[in-house]
PDB file of N, CA and C in Angstrom:
ATOM      1  N   MET A   1     127.725  74.493  56.768  1.00  0.00           N
ATOM      2  CA  MET A   1     127.127  73.282  56.347  1.00  0.00           C
ATOM      3  C   MET A   1     126.264  72.701  57.596  1.00  0.00           C
ATOM      4  N   SER A   2     125.141  72.140  57.214  1.00  0.00           N
ATOM      5  CA  SER A   2     124.325  71.615  58.240  1.00  0.00           C
ATOM      6  C   SER A   2     124.121  70.082  57.881  1.00  0.00           C
ATOM      7  N   VAL A   3     124.040  69.291  58.981  1.00  0.00           N
ATOM      8  CA  VAL A   3     123.763  67.848  58.780  1.00  0.00           C
ATOM      9  C   VAL A   3     122.276  67.578  58.873  1.00  0.00           C
ATOM     10  N   THR A   4     121.793  66.801  57.906  1.00  0.00           N
ATOM     11  CA  THR A   4     120.411  66.479  57.825  1.00  0.00           C
ATOM     12  C   THR A   4     120.184  65.062  58.329  1.00  0.00           C
ATOM     13  N   ARG A   5     118.893  64.738  58.501  1.00  0.00           N
ATOM     14  CA  ARG A   5     118.616  63.360  58.880  1.00  0.00           C
ATOM     15  C   ARG A   5     119.000  62.358  57.747  1.00  0.00           C
ATOM     16  N   LYS A   6     118.904  62.799  56.547  1.00  0.00           N
ATOM     17  CA  LYS A   6     119.299  61.946  55.434  1.00  0.00           C
ATOM     18  C   LYS A   6     120.806  61.581  55.482  1.00  0.00           C
ATOM     19  N   ASP A   7     121.535  62.717  55.843  1.00  0.00           N
ATOM     20  CA  ASP A   7     123.106  62.571  55.980  1.00  0.00           C
ATOM     21  C   ASP A   7     123.366  61.417  57.013  1.00  0.00           C
ATOM     22  N   VAL A   8     122.679  61.548  58.185  1.00  0.00           N
ATOM     23  CA  VAL A   8     122.978  60.685  59.226  1.00  0.00           C
ATOM     24  C   VAL A   8     122.691  59.214  58.813  1.00  0.00           C
ATOM     25  N   GLU A   9     121.515  58.997  58.176  1.00  0.00           N
ATOM     26  CA  GLU A   9     121.075  57.737  57.790  1.00  0.00           C
ATOM     27  C   GLU A   9     122.049  57.148  56.674  1.00  0.00           C
ATOM     28  N   HIS A  10     122.492  58.033  55.844  1.00  0.00           N
ATOM     29  CA  HIS A  10     123.593  57.603  54.857  1.00  0.00           C
ATOM     30  C   HIS A  10     124.865  57.204  55.584  1.00  0.00           C
ATOM     31  N   VAL A  11     125.385  57.910  56.486  1.00  0.00           N
ATOM     32  CA  VAL A  11     126.641  57.615  57.224  1.00  0.00           C
ATOM     33  C   VAL A  11     126.430  56.345  57.958  1.00  0.00           C
ATOM     34  N   ALA A  12     125.206  56.212  58.638  1.00  0.00           N
ATOM     35  CA  ALA A  12     124.987  54.999  59.418  1.00  0.00           C
ATOM     36  C   ALA A  12     124.997  53.703  58.542  1.00  0.00           C
ATOM     37  N   ARG A  13     124.414  53.890  57.349  1.00  0.00           N
ATOM     38  CA  ARG A  13     124.381  52.797  56.402  1.00  0.00           C
ATOM     39  C   ARG A  13     125.803  52.364  55.900  1.00  0.00           C
ATOM     40  N   LEU A  14     126.549  53.425  55.725  1.00  0.00           N
ATOM     41  CA  LEU A  14     128.047  53.199  55.171  1.00  0.00           C
ATOM     42  C   LEU A  14     128.862  52.545  56.383  1.00  0.00           C
ATOM     43  N   ALA A  15     128.533  52.915  57.564  1.00  0.00           N
ATOM     44  CA  ALA A  15     129.312  52.377  58.699  1.00  0.00           C
ATOM     45  C   ALA A  15     128.660  51.058  59.207  1.00  0.00           C
ATOM     46  N   GLU A  16     127.552  50.711  58.564  1.00  0.00           N
ATOM     47  CA  GLU A  16     126.905  49.442  58.956  1.00  0.00           C
ATOM     48  C   GLU A  16     126.429  49.497  60.329  1.00  0.00           C
ATOM     49  N   LEU A  17     125.826  50.617  60.739  1.00  0.00           N
ATOM     50  CA  LEU A  17     125.302  50.849  62.156  1.00  0.00           C
ATOM     51  C   LEU A  17     123.776  50.768  62.081  1.00  0.00           C
ATOM     52  N   ALA A  18     123.282  50.135  63.047  1.00  0.00           N
ATOM     53  CA  ALA A  18     121.780  49.969  63.184  1.00  0.00           C
ATOM     54  C   ALA A  18     121.376  51.275  64.168  1.00  0.00           C
ATOM     55  N   VAL A  19     120.690  52.176  63.545  1.00  0.00           N
ATOM     56  CA  VAL A  19     120.390  53.433  64.275  1.00  0.00           C
ATOM     57  C   VAL A  19     118.861  53.352  64.555  1.00  0.00           C
ATOM     58  N   ASN A  20     118.335  53.415  65.749  1.00  0.00           N
ATOM     59  CA  ASN A  20     116.999  53.507  66.052  1.00  0.00           C
ATOM     60  C   ASN A  20     116.330  54.775  65.466  1.00  0.00           C
ATOM     61  N   PRO A  21     115.314  54.631  64.772  1.00  0.00           N
ATOM     62  CA  PRO A  21     114.727  55.918  64.178  1.00  0.00           C
ATOM     63  C   PRO A  21     114.307  56.897  65.147  1.00  0.00           C
ATOM     64  N   ASP A  22     113.934  56.489  66.405  1.00  0.00           N
ATOM     65  CA  ASP A  22     113.682  57.499  67.458  1.00  0.00           C
ATOM     66  C   ASP A  22     114.808  58.260  67.945  1.00  0.00           C
ATOM     67  N   GLU A  23     116.038  57.746  67.735  1.00  0.00           N
ATOM     68  CA  GLU A  23     117.269  58.453  68.103  1.00  0.00           C
ATOM     69  C   GLU A  23     117.851  59.343  66.943  1.00  0.00           C
ATOM     70  N   LEU A  24     117.230  59.229  65.832  1.00  0.00           N
ATOM     71  CA  LEU A  24     117.874  60.027  64.699  1.00  0.00           C
ATOM     72  C   LEU A  24     117.689  61.527  64.954  1.00  0.00           C
ATOM     73  N   PRO A  25     116.711  62.129  65.444  1.00  0.00           N
ATOM     74  CA  PRO A  25     116.713  63.599  65.682  1.00  0.00           C
ATOM     75  C   PRO A  25     117.794  64.045  66.599  1.00  0.00           C
ATOM     76  N   ALA A  26     117.991  63.313  67.695  1.00  0.00           N
ATOM     77  CA  ALA A  26     119.084  63.661  68.628  1.00  0.00           C
ATOM     78  C   ALA A  26     120.448  63.497  67.980  1.00  0.00           C
ATOM     79  N   LEU A  27     120.612  62.418  67.366  1.00  0.00           N
ATOM     80  CA  LEU A  27     121.966  62.181  66.669  1.00  0.00           C
ATOM     81  C   LEU A  27     122.251  63.168  65.527  1.00  0.00           C
ATOM     82  N   THR A  28     121.218  63.526  64.856  1.00  0.00           N
ATOM     83  CA  THR A  28     121.351  64.554  63.799  1.00  0.00           C
ATOM     84  C   THR A  28     121.792  65.930  64.454  1.00  0.00           C
ATOM     85  N   ALA A  29     121.119  66.243  65.560  1.00  0.00           N
ATOM     86  CA  ALA A  29     121.412  67.517  66.228  1.00  0.00           C
ATOM     87  C   ALA A  29     122.867  67.527  66.668  1.00  0.00           C
ATOM     88  N   GLN A  30     123.288  66.366  67.298  1.00  0.00           N
ATOM     89  CA  GLN A  30     124.684  66.289  67.825  1.00  0.00           C
ATOM     90  C   GLN A  30     125.705  66.336  66.757  1.00  0.00           C
ATOM     91  N   LEU A  31     125.467  65.633  65.577  1.00  0.00           N
ATOM     92  CA  LEU A  31     126.478  65.673  64.519  1.00  0.00           C
ATOM     93  C   LEU A  31     126.494  67.013  63.942  1.00  0.00           C
ATOM     94  N   ASP A  32     125.368  67.809  63.816  1.00  0.00           N
ATOM     95  CA  ASP A  32     125.330  69.053  63.224  1.00  0.00           C
ATOM     96  C   ASP A  32     126.184  70.040  64.178  1.00  0.00           C
ATOM     97  N   ARG A  33     126.077  69.859  65.398  1.00  0.00           N
ATOM     98  CA  ARG A  33     126.854  70.697  66.305  1.00  0.00           C
ATOM     99  C   ARG A  33     128.399  70.416  66.114  1.00  0.00           C
ATOM    100  N   ILE A  34     128.745  69.195  65.978  1.00  0.00           N
ATOM    101  CA  ILE A  34     130.174  68.782  65.749  1.00  0.00           C
ATOM    102  C   ILE A  34     130.711  69.454  64.546  1.00  0.00           C
ATOM    103  N   VAL A  35     129.988  69.335  63.417  1.00  0.00           N
ATOM    104  CA  VAL A  35     130.321  69.840  62.101  1.00  0.00           C
ATOM    105  C   VAL A  35     130.404  71.312  62.223  1.00  0.00           C
ATOM    106  N   GLY A  36     129.487  71.955  62.903  1.00  0.00           N
ATOM    107  CA  GLY A  36     129.581  73.411  63.109  1.00  0.00           C
ATOM    108  C   GLY A  36     130.795  73.882  63.825  1.00  0.00           C
ATOM    109  N   PHE A  37     131.248  73.102  64.860  1.00  0.00           N
ATOM    110  CA  PHE A  37     132.431  73.459  65.563  1.00  0.00           C
ATOM    111  C   PHE A  37     133.599  73.308  64.668  1.00  0.00           C
ATOM    112  N   VAL A  38     133.701  72.263  63.903  1.00  0.00           N
ATOM    113  CA  VAL A  38     134.834  72.078  62.940  1.00  0.00           C
ATOM    114  C   VAL A  38     134.918  73.207  61.941  1.00  0.00           C
ATOM    115  N   ASP A  39     133.717  73.712  61.504  1.00  0.00           N
ATOM    116  CA  ASP A  39     133.635  74.800  60.605  1.00  0.00           C
ATOM    117  C   ASP A  39     134.276  76.026  61.249  1.00  0.00           C
ATOM    118  N   GLN A  40     134.000  76.245  62.505  1.00  0.00           N
ATOM    119  CA  GLN A  40     134.556  77.375  63.284  1.00  0.00           C
ATOM    120  C   GLN A  40     136.011  77.316  63.369  1.00  0.00           C
ATOM    121  N   LEU A  41     136.565  76.072  63.559  1.00  0.00           N
ATOM    122  CA  LEU A  41     138.024  75.891  63.563  1.00  0.00           C
ATOM    123  C   LEU A  41     138.732  76.200  62.240  1.00  0.00           C
ATOM    124  N   SER A  42     137.973  75.807  61.189  1.00  0.00           N
ATOM    125  CA  SER A  42     138.641  76.033  59.862  1.00  0.00           C
ATOM    126  C   SER A  42     138.615  77.517  59.583  1.00  0.00           C
ATOM    127  N   ALA A  43     137.795  78.233  60.132  1.00  0.00           N
ATOM    128  CA  ALA A  43     137.691  79.725  59.878  1.00  0.00           C
ATOM    129  C   ALA A  43     138.858  80.557  60.576  1.00  0.00           C
ATOM    130  N   LEU A  44     139.464  79.912  61.538  1.00  0.00           N
ATOM    131  CA  LEU A  44     140.504  80.539  62.299  1.00  0.00           C
ATOM    132  C   LEU A  44     141.749  80.875  61.422  1.00  0.00           C
ATOM    133  N   GLN A  45     142.359  81.926  61.486  1.00  0.00           N
ATOM    134  CA  GLN A  45     143.522  82.331  60.841  1.00  0.00           C
ATOM    135  C   GLN A  45     144.804  81.813  61.611  1.00  0.00           C
ATOM    136  N   ALA A  46     145.640  81.048  61.093  1.00  0.00           N
ATOM    137  CA  ALA A  46     146.818  80.506  61.751  1.00  0.00           C
ATOM    138  C   ALA A  46     148.009  81.519  61.373  1.00  0.00           C
ATOM    139  N   THR A  47     148.219  82.544  62.255  1.00  0.00           N
ATOM    140  CA  THR A  47     149.276  83.378  61.958  1.00  0.00           C
ATOM    141  C   THR A  47     150.527  82.938  62.740  1.00  0.00           C
ATOM    142  N   GLY A  48     151.610  82.858  62.060  1.00  0.00           N
ATOM    143  CA  GLY A  48     152.851  82.426  62.742  1.00  0.00           C
ATOM    144  C   GLY A  48     152.921  81.022  63.076  1.00  0.00           C
ATOM    145  N   ALA A  49     151.952  80.217  62.503  1.00  0.00           N
ATOM    146  CA  ALA A  49     152.028  78.750  62.729  1.00  0.00           C
ATOM    147  C   ALA A  49     153.098  78.215  61.922  1.00  0.00           C
ATOM    148  N   ARG A  50     153.733  77.092  62.474  1.00  0.00           N
ATOM    149  CA  ARG A  50     154.797  76.466  61.750  1.00  0.00           C
ATOM    150  C   ARG A  50     154.415  74.999  61.659  1.00  0.00           C
ATOM    151  N   ARG A  51     154.961  74.241  60.773  1.00  0.00           N
ATOM    152  CA  ARG A  51     154.615  72.847  60.677  1.00  0.00           C
ATOM    153  C   ARG A  51     155.319  72.116  61.784  1.00  0.00           C
ATOM    154  N   PHE A  52     154.488  71.220  62.460  1.00  0.00           N
ATOM    155  CA  PHE A  52     154.990  70.430  63.571  1.00  0.00           C
ATOM    156  C   PHE A  52     155.901  69.303  63.008  1.00  0.00           C
ATOM    157  N   VAL A  53     157.077  69.204  63.573  1.00  0.00           N
ATOM    158  CA  VAL A  53     157.997  68.047  63.270  1.00  0.00           C
ATOM    159  C   VAL A  53     158.381  67.487  64.562  1.00  0.00           C
ATOM    160  N   PRO A  54     158.092  66.175  64.808  1.00  0.00           N
ATOM    161  CA  PRO A  54     158.432  65.578  66.061  1.00  0.00           C
ATOM    162  C   PRO A  54     159.904  65.337  66.197  1.00  0.00           C
ATOM    163  N   GLY A  55     160.553  66.018  67.116  1.00  0.00           N
ATOM    164  CA  GLY A  55     162.072  65.876  67.188  1.00  0.00           C
ATOM    165  C   GLY A  55     162.664  67.150  66.497  1.00  0.00           C
ATOM    166  N   PRO A  56     164.012  67.102  66.494  1.00  0.00           N
ATOM    167  CA  PRO A  56     164.687  68.192  65.740  1.00  0.00           C
ATOM    168  C   PRO A  56     164.470  68.110  64.270  1.00  0.00           C
ATOM    169  N   ALA A  57     164.392  69.299  63.606  1.00  0.00           N
ATOM    170  CA  ALA A  57     164.100  69.264  62.185  1.00  0.00           C
ATOM    171  C   ALA A  57     165.192  68.639  61.360  1.00  0.00           C
ATOM    172  N   GLU A  58     166.443  68.594  61.856  1.00  0.00           N
ATOM    173  CA  GLU A  58     167.490  67.988  61.124  1.00  0.00           C
ATOM    174  C   GLU A  58     167.604  66.575  61.255  1.00  0.00           C
ATOM    175  N   THR A  59     166.817  65.907  62.082  1.00  0.00           N
ATOM    176  CA  THR A  59     166.813  64.421  62.163  1.00  0.00           C
ATOM    177  C   THR A  59     166.265  63.807  61.027  1.00  0.00           C
ATOM    178  N   PRO A  60     166.975  63.092  60.239  1.00  0.00           N
ATOM    179  CA  PRO A  60     166.488  62.331  59.088  1.00  0.00           C
ATOM    180  C   PRO A  60     165.500  61.179  59.384  1.00  0.00           C
ATOM    181  N   LEU A  61     164.574  60.992  58.590  1.00  0.00           N
ATOM    182  CA  LEU A  61     163.669  59.856  58.804  1.00  0.00           C
ATOM    183  C   LEU A  61     164.289  58.661  58.064  1.00  0.00           C
ATOM    184  N   ARG A  62     164.141  57.528  58.750  1.00  0.00           N
ATOM    185  CA  ARG A  62     164.732  56.269  58.199  1.00  0.00           C
ATOM    186  C   ARG A  62     163.661  55.633  57.355  1.00  0.00           C
ATOM    187  N   GLU A  63     164.186  54.715  56.451  1.00  0.00           N
ATOM    188  CA  GLU A  63     163.280  53.840  55.692  1.00  0.00           C
ATOM    189  C   GLU A  63     162.497  52.891  56.614  1.00  0.00           C
ATOM    190  N   ASP A  64     161.294  52.614  56.200  1.00  0.00           N
ATOM    191  CA  ASP A  64     160.575  51.576  56.978  1.00  0.00           C
ATOM    192  C   ASP A  64     161.044  50.172  56.573  1.00  0.00           C
ATOM    193  N   GLU A  65     161.548  49.364  57.475  1.00  0.00           N
ATOM    194  CA  GLU A  65     162.003  48.064  57.198  1.00  0.00           C
ATOM    195  C   GLU A  65     161.233  47.062  58.033  1.00  0.00           C
ATOM    196  N   VAL A  66     160.919  45.883  57.531  1.00  0.00           N
ATOM    197  CA  VAL A  66     160.230  44.939  58.410  1.00  0.00           C
ATOM    198  C   VAL A  66     161.140  43.859  58.726  1.00  0.00           C
ATOM    199  N   HIS A  67     161.328  43.597  60.040  1.00  0.00           N
ATOM    200  CA  HIS A  67     162.197  42.664  60.593  1.00  0.00           C
ATOM    201  C   HIS A  67     161.408  41.746  61.467  1.00  0.00           C
ATOM    202  N   PRO A  68     160.861  40.584  61.054  1.00  0.00           N
ATOM    203  CA  PRO A  68     160.098  39.773  61.801  1.00  0.00           C
ATOM    204  C   PRO A  68     160.810  39.366  63.114  1.00  0.00           C
ATOM    205  N   ALA A  69     160.175  39.338  64.141  1.00  0.00           N
ATOM    206  CA  ALA A  69     160.707  38.880  65.453  1.00  0.00           C
ATOM    207  C   ALA A  69     160.626  37.349  65.585  1.00  0.00           C
ATOM    208  N   SER A  70     161.663  36.727  66.075  1.00  0.00           N
ATOM    209  CA  SER A  70     161.614  35.358  66.244  1.00  0.00           C
ATOM    210  C   SER A  70     161.039  35.020  67.691  1.00  0.00           C
ATOM    211  N   LEU A  71     160.072  34.196  67.720  1.00  0.00           N
ATOM    212  CA  LEU A  71     159.323  33.969  68.870  1.00  0.00           C
ATOM    213  C   LEU A  71     159.870  32.670  69.588  1.00  0.00           C
ATOM    214  N   ALA A  72     159.827  32.693  70.961  1.00  0.00           N
ATOM    215  CA  ALA A  72     160.324  31.522  71.729  1.00  0.00           C
ATOM    216  C   ALA A  72     159.569  30.262  71.335  1.00  0.00           C
ATOM    217  N   ILE A  73     158.206  30.465  71.186  1.00  0.00           N
ATOM    218  CA  ILE A  73     157.312  29.273  70.762  1.00  0.00           C
ATOM    219  C   ILE A  73     156.548  29.731  69.596  1.00  0.00           C
ATOM    220  N   PRO A  74     156.678  28.960  68.423  1.00  0.00           N
ATOM    221  CA  PRO A  74     155.937  29.328  67.240  1.00  0.00           C
ATOM    222  C   PRO A  74     154.514  29.205  67.480  1.00  0.00           C
ATOM    223  N   PRO A  75     153.651  30.046  66.870  1.00  0.00           N
ATOM    224  CA  PRO A  75     152.149  30.144  67.048  1.00  0.00           C
ATOM    225  C   PRO A  75     151.623  28.753  66.778  1.00  0.00           C
ATOM    226  N   ALA A  76     152.117  28.007  65.773  1.00  0.00           N
ATOM    227  CA  ALA A  76     151.490  26.801  65.400  1.00  0.00           C
ATOM    228  C   ALA A  76     151.613  25.684  66.539  1.00  0.00           C
ATOM    229  N   GLN A  77     152.543  25.973  67.450  1.00  0.00           N
ATOM    230  CA  GLN A  77     152.551  25.031  68.645  1.00  0.00           C
ATOM    231  C   GLN A  77     151.646  25.384  69.688  1.00  0.00           C
ATOM    232  N   LEU A  78     151.212  26.740  69.693  1.00  0.00           N
ATOM    233  CA  LEU A  78     150.306  27.180  70.674  1.00  0.00           C
ATOM    234  C   LEU A  78     148.812  26.969  70.382  1.00  0.00           C
ATOM    235  N   ALA A  79     148.559  26.920  69.148  1.00  0.00           N
ATOM    236  CA  ALA A  79     147.181  26.784  68.742  1.00  0.00           C
ATOM    237  C   ALA A  79     146.638  25.347  68.431  1.00  0.00           C
ATOM    238  N   PRO A  80     145.403  25.034  68.831  1.00  0.00           N
ATOM    239  CA  PRO A  80     144.901  23.786  68.464  1.00  0.00           C
ATOM    240  C   PRO A  80     144.866  23.500  66.935  1.00  0.00           C
ATOM    241  N   GLU A  81     144.544  24.641  66.188  1.00  0.00           N
ATOM    242  CA  GLU A  81     144.502  24.571  64.799  1.00  0.00           C
ATOM    243  C   GLU A  81     145.100  25.841  64.272  1.00  0.00           C
ATOM    244  N   PHE A  82     146.124  25.584  63.283  1.00  0.00           N
ATOM    245  CA  PHE A  82     146.877  26.781  62.754  1.00  0.00           C
ATOM    246  C   PHE A  82     147.081  26.376  61.281  1.00  0.00           C
ATOM    247  N   ILE A  83     146.418  27.048  60.361  1.00  0.00           N
ATOM    248  CA  ILE A  83     146.518  26.744  58.911  1.00  0.00           C
ATOM    249  C   ILE A  83     146.982  27.954  58.134  1.00  0.00           C
ATOM    250  N   ASP A  84     147.892  27.782  57.327  1.00  0.00           N
ATOM    251  CA  ASP A  84     148.451  28.801  56.443  1.00  0.00           C
ATOM    252  C   ASP A  84     148.699  30.134  57.148  1.00  0.00           C
ATOM    253  N   GLY A  85     149.211  30.047  58.364  1.00  0.00           N
ATOM    254  CA  GLY A  85     149.532  31.280  59.140  1.00  0.00           C
ATOM    255  C   GLY A  85     148.390  31.907  59.847  1.00  0.00           C
ATOM    256  N   PHE A  86     147.286  31.213  59.935  1.00  0.00           N
ATOM    257  CA  PHE A  86     146.111  31.756  60.635  1.00  0.00           C
ATOM    258  C   PHE A  86     145.667  30.862  61.697  1.00  0.00           C
ATOM    259  N   PHE A  87     145.127  31.435  62.853  1.00  0.00           N
ATOM    260  CA  PHE A  87     144.575  30.632  63.956  1.00  0.00           C
ATOM    261  C   PHE A  87     143.129  30.336  63.416  1.00  0.00           C
ATOM    262  N   VAL A  88     142.721  29.087  63.555  1.00  0.00           N
ATOM    263  CA  VAL A  88     141.373  28.644  63.228  1.00  0.00           C
ATOM    264  C   VAL A  88     140.661  28.503  64.554  1.00  0.00           C
ATOM    265  N   VAL A  89     139.548  29.305  64.557  1.00  0.00           N
ATOM    266  CA  VAL A  89     138.775  29.360  65.805  1.00  0.00           C
ATOM    267  C   VAL A  89     137.294  28.904  65.493  1.00  0.00           C
ATOM    268  N   PRO A  90     136.561  28.400  66.475  1.00  0.00           N
ATOM    269  CA  PRO A  90     135.199  27.987  66.212  1.00  0.00           C
ATOM    270  C   PRO A  90     134.360  29.271  65.881  1.00  0.00           C
ATOM    271  N   ARG A  91     133.327  29.065  65.052  1.00  0.00           N
ATOM    272  CA  ARG A  91     132.431  30.079  64.806  1.00  0.00           C
ATOM    273  C   ARG A  91     131.494  30.366  65.958  1.00  0.00           C
ATOM    274  N   LEU A  92     131.260  31.635  66.213  1.00  0.00           N
ATOM    275  CA  LEU A  92     130.299  32.000  67.309  1.00  0.00           C
ATOM    276  C   LEU A  92     128.872  31.876  66.852  1.00  0.00           C
ATOM    277  N   GLY A  93     128.056  31.183  67.608  1.00  0.00           N
ATOM    278  CA  GLY A  93     126.759  30.948  67.280  1.00  0.00           C
ATOM    279  C   GLY A  93     125.859  32.279  67.144  1.00  0.00           C
ATOM    280  N   ALA A  94     126.270  33.237  67.919  1.00  0.00           N
ATOM    281  CA  ALA A  94     125.585  34.552  67.892  1.00  0.00           C
ATOM    282  C   ALA A  94     125.851  35.240  66.607  1.00  0.00           C
ATOM    283  N   MET A  95     126.920  35.046  65.975  1.00  0.00           N
ATOM    284  CA  MET A  95     127.337  35.682  64.782  1.00  0.00           C
ATOM    285  C   MET A  95     126.643  35.148  63.531  1.00  0.00           C
ATOM    286  N   GLU A  96     126.043  33.906  63.618  1.00  0.00           N
ATOM    287  CA  GLU A  96     125.513  33.251  62.432  1.00  0.00           C
ATOM    288  C   GLU A  96     124.054  33.780  62.190  1.00  0.00           C
ATOM    289  N   GLU A  97     123.634  33.853  60.966  1.00  0.00           N
ATOM    290  CA  GLU A  97     122.273  34.248  60.605  1.00  0.00           C
ATOM    291  C   GLU A  97     121.416  33.049  60.753  1.00  0.00           C
ATOM    292  N   GLU A  98     120.247  33.280  61.273  1.00  0.00           N
ATOM    293  CA  GLU A  98     119.284  32.191  61.391  1.00  0.00           C
ATOM    294  C   GLU A  98     118.578  32.035  60.047  1.00  0.00           C
ATOM    295  N   SER A  99     118.270  30.706  59.733  1.00  0.00           N
ATOM    296  CA  SER A  99     117.568  30.470  58.450  1.00  0.00           C
ATOM    297  C   SER A  99     116.165  30.176  58.660  1.00  0.00           C
TER     298      SER A  99
END
């Protein structure tokens, strides 16, 4: 599989990245080399490989349980504005669109 300029533009659009058109040829070549390397890895035969299990295989996994930690000072006391469990912060001027 080879990566095309159209593929790079599509991925950049999905990732909401602004890519300089002058940089597209170099970026396309880099991504094509990466995909080519991954293709080489998938072609390797894994003989005698076994599934990796962290720790002894007989160690049972526990159920995930949520236990909220009690804090010494509640967040509402630390923040100037705390509404419905969220910190309210001022909007950054650089993030606003100009009209």
